[in-house]
C-alpha cells in the first residue's frame, strides 16, 4: 500500500515531510500528474488529498490543469478555484514522503527548467536539506514514517466483526479529487 524505502535515520520506511508550496507550485505538481508522468510511465501515478483539480487533456503540456479547489476543514471543496498565478505568494502546507520530496529536485532538470517546485519551511525559506522538513514521531524517537501514519490512521476506526478497523464507506468509492484516477 505504501512504499517502504529508507529514511535519513537508516530505518525502514520513507519519512513524512511537512513543507510549504506556493499555489503555482501546487499547480506544477498537478501538471506532473496530468501530463508529465503519464508521458514517461504509469508507474508515476500520484494521489492527492485536501484538494481536487480539473484537467483539459487537449491542452498543451504544462497547461492541462484548468482549476484547483481546496478542501476546507468540513471536507467541502471551495466553489472558487485557487488563484495559481505567480501573484498569489501565499504558502500552502503540504505533506508528502521523502521519496516524492527528493523527486522534486529532479523535476526541474527533467523539464529543462520549465517546471520547478522548491520545498520551503513555514517561514518561506527554501529547504536546501530535506531532512529539516521531516516530521518527528510523537514520542520524539525518530522520524514519522509513512507506514506508521497509515497504521495510526486506520487504528483510530472502530473494529468490526472481524476485529479489524472498519474503513468508512466513503473510502470505498472514488473521491473525485483526481480526473485521471483509475476506477
Protein backbone atom coordinates (compact mmCIF):
# COMPACT_ATOMS: atom_id res chain seq x y z
CA UNK A 1 0.00 0.00 0.00
CA UNK A 2 2.86 2.38 0.79
CA UNK A 3 6.45 2.31 -0.45
CA UNK A 4 8.96 1.30 2.20
CA UNK A 5 12.29 2.87 1.27
CA UNK A 6 14.67 4.15 3.91
CA UNK A 7 14.68 7.30 5.94
CA UNK A 8 17.60 9.57 6.69
CA UNK A 9 17.79 7.71 10.00
CA UNK A 10 18.58 4.45 8.17
CA UNK A 11 15.41 2.69 9.33
CA UNK A 12 12.76 1.12 7.11
CA UNK A 13 10.11 3.44 5.70
CA UNK A 14 10.05 6.78 3.99
CA UNK A 15 9.54 9.59 6.49
CA UNK A 16 6.82 12.18 6.01
CA UNK A 17 7.86 15.73 5.13
CA UNK A 18 5.98 18.85 6.20
CA UNK A 19 6.62 21.59 3.66
CA UNK A 20 5.13 24.69 2.09
CA UNK A 21 4.49 25.48 -1.57
CA UNK A 22 3.00 28.37 -3.49
CA UNK A 23 -0.24 27.88 -5.43
CA UNK A 24 1.80 27.99 -8.64
CA UNK A 25 3.96 25.13 -7.38
CA UNK A 26 0.88 23.12 -6.43
CA UNK A 27 -0.37 23.56 -10.00
CA UNK A 28 3.04 22.40 -11.27
CA UNK A 29 2.75 19.23 -9.18
CA UNK A 30 -0.70 18.60 -10.65
CA UNK A 31 0.65 19.20 -14.17
CA UNK A 32 3.11 16.39 -13.45
CA UNK A 33 0.19 14.09 -12.60
CA UNK A 34 -1.79 15.04 -15.73
CA UNK A 35 0.86 15.31 -18.39
CA UNK A 36 4.47 14.76 -17.44
CA UNK A 37 4.29 11.46 -15.52
CA UNK A 38 1.98 9.65 -17.98
CA UNK A 39 4.40 10.54 -20.79
CA UNK A 40 7.09 8.51 -19.02
CA UNK A 41 5.26 5.62 -17.36
CA UNK A 42 2.12 4.71 -15.46
CA UNK A 43 4.41 3.93 -12.53
CA UNK A 44 4.46 7.65 -11.63
CA UNK A 45 0.82 7.90 -10.65
CA UNK A 46 0.42 10.19 -7.62
CA UNK A 47 -2.53 10.53 -5.26
CA UNK A 48 -3.63 13.81 -3.72
CA UNK A 49 -5.90 14.74 -0.84
CA UNK A 50 -7.14 18.03 0.51
CA UNK A 51 -7.82 19.31 -2.99
CA UNK A 52 -9.40 18.34 -6.25
CA UNK A 53 -8.45 19.51 -9.72
CA UNK A 54 -9.65 19.60 -13.29
CA UNK A 55 -7.66 18.96 -16.46
CA UNK A 56 -8.06 19.68 -20.15
CA UNK A 57 -6.18 16.81 -21.77
CA UNK A 58 -6.36 18.54 -25.17
CA UNK A 59 -4.36 21.49 -23.83
CA UNK A 60 -0.62 21.62 -24.27
CA UNK A 61 1.85 20.02 -21.93
CA UNK A 62 2.20 22.07 -18.72
CA UNK A 63 -1.16 23.77 -19.45
CA UNK A 64 -3.54 20.89 -18.71
CA UNK A 65 -4.61 21.86 -15.18
CA UNK A 66 -7.54 24.24 -15.54
CA UNK A 67 -8.74 24.57 -11.93
CA UNK A 68 -7.71 23.63 -8.40
CA UNK A 69 -10.16 23.59 -5.49
CA UNK A 70 -9.01 23.36 -1.88
CA UNK A 71 -10.89 21.39 0.77
CA UNK A 72 -11.96 23.19 3.92
CA UNK A 73 -11.98 21.79 7.46
CA UNK A 74 -15.51 20.45 6.94
CA UNK A 75 -14.38 18.32 3.99
CA UNK A 76 -16.07 20.52 1.38
CA UNK A 77 -14.30 21.93 -1.67
CA UNK A 78 -14.21 25.66 -2.29
CA UNK A 79 -16.52 26.93 -5.02
CA UNK A 80 -13.86 29.35 -6.25
CA UNK A 81 -10.72 27.93 -7.86
CA UNK A 82 -7.39 28.62 -6.22
CA UNK A 83 -5.50 31.55 -7.75
CA UNK A 84 -2.49 29.71 -9.20
CA UNK A 85 -0.93 32.83 -10.72
CA UNK A 86 2.52 34.00 -9.67
CA UNK A 87 0.88 36.99 -7.94
CA UNK A 88 -0.51 34.64 -5.27
CA UNK A 89 2.51 34.35 -2.97
CA UNK A 90 0.63 32.69 -0.08
CA UNK A 91 2.23 29.47 1.14
CA UNK A 92 0.14 26.30 1.44
CA UNK A 93 1.00 23.48 3.84
CA UNK A 94 1.71 20.17 2.09
CA UNK A 95 2.74 16.76 3.38
CA UNK A 96 4.49 14.16 1.25
CA UNK A 97 7.04 11.42 1.71
CA UNK A 98 10.81 11.71 1.35
CA UNK A 99 10.84 9.85 -1.99
CA UNK A 100 8.49 12.38 -3.62
CA UNK A 101 10.37 15.21 -1.93
CA UNK A 102 13.61 14.02 -3.47
CA UNK A 103 11.97 13.74 -6.89
CA UNK A 104 11.08 17.45 -6.75
CA UNK A 105 14.72 18.36 -7.33
CA UNK A 106 14.79 16.15 -10.43
CA UNK A 107 11.68 17.81 -11.91
CA UNK A 108 13.49 20.99 -12.90
CA UNK A 109 16.25 19.14 -14.75
CA UNK A 110 13.81 16.66 -16.39
CA UNK A 111 11.72 19.51 -17.84
CA UNK A 112 14.62 21.69 -18.94
CA UNK A 113 13.74 24.24 -16.25
CA UNK A 114 10.14 24.66 -17.42
CA UNK A 115 8.71 23.21 -14.20
CA UNK A 116 10.15 23.67 -10.73
CA UNK A 117 8.97 23.07 -7.19
CA UNK A 118 11.07 24.30 -4.27
CA UNK A 119 10.06 22.91 -0.86
CA UNK A 120 10.02 25.60 1.80
CA UNK A 121 9.71 25.79 5.56
CA UNK A 122 6.84 27.67 7.27
CA UNK A 123 8.78 30.94 7.01
CA UNK A 124 9.09 30.54 3.23
CA UNK A 125 12.80 29.75 3.21
CA UNK A 126 13.79 27.18 0.57
CA UNK A 127 14.81 23.94 2.27
CA UNK A 128 18.18 23.00 0.84
CA UNK A 129 18.24 19.94 3.10
CA UNK A 130 15.01 17.90 3.09
CA UNK A 131 15.89 16.33 6.43
CA UNK A 132 14.95 19.67 8.04
CA UNK A 133 11.35 19.06 6.86
CA UNK A 134 10.96 15.54 8.29
CA UNK A 135 8.14 15.20 10.82
CA UNK A 136 9.38 13.61 14.05
CA UNK A 137 7.46 10.82 15.78
CA UNK A 138 5.19 11.88 18.65
CA UNK A 139 7.49 10.16 21.13
CA UNK A 140 10.47 12.06 19.70
CA UNK A 141 12.26 8.81 18.84
CA UNK A 142 12.99 9.17 15.16
CA UNK A 143 11.11 10.03 12.00
CA UNK A 144 7.38 9.63 11.45
CA UNK A 145 7.22 7.02 8.69
CA UNK A 146 4.54 6.85 6.02
CA UNK A 147 3.58 3.31 7.04
CA UNK A 148 3.27 4.39 10.68
CA UNK A 149 0.95 7.26 9.79
CA UNK A 150 -1.29 4.91 7.77
CA UNK A 151 -1.33 2.38 10.61
CA UNK A 152 -2.23 5.03 13.19
CA UNK A 153 -4.96 6.45 10.98
CA UNK A 154 -6.55 3.05 10.37
CA UNK A 155 -6.22 2.14 14.05
CA UNK A 156 -8.47 5.03 15.07
CA UNK A 157 -11.51 3.45 13.32
CA UNK A 158 -13.74 1.17 15.37
CA UNK A 159 -13.20 -2.55 14.97
CA UNK A 160 -15.78 -4.51 13.01
CA UNK A 161 -16.89 -8.12 13.38
CA UNK A 162 -13.55 -9.30 12.05
CA UNK A 163 -11.71 -7.44 14.79
CA UNK A 164 -10.10 -5.19 12.19
CA UNK A 165 -10.80 -1.47 11.84
CA UNK A 166 -13.88 -0.71 9.72
CA UNK A 167 -12.88 1.68 6.94
CA UNK A 168 -15.68 4.22 6.27
CA UNK A 169 -17.83 3.62 3.19
CA UNK A 170 -16.71 6.94 1.67
CA UNK A 171 -13.25 5.45 1.08
CA UNK A 172 -14.69 2.57 -0.94
CA UNK A 173 -15.70 4.80 -3.87
CA UNK A 174 -13.74 7.28 -5.98
CA UNK A 175 -13.35 10.63 -4.23
CA UNK A 176 -13.32 12.72 -7.41
CA UNK A 177 -10.11 14.52 -6.49
CA UNK A 178 -8.10 13.44 -9.49
CA UNK A 179 -9.53 13.42 -13.03
CA UNK A 180 -7.15 10.68 -14.17
CA UNK A 181 -7.61 8.39 -11.18
CA UNK A 182 -8.10 4.76 -12.13
CA UNK A 183 -11.58 3.38 -11.39
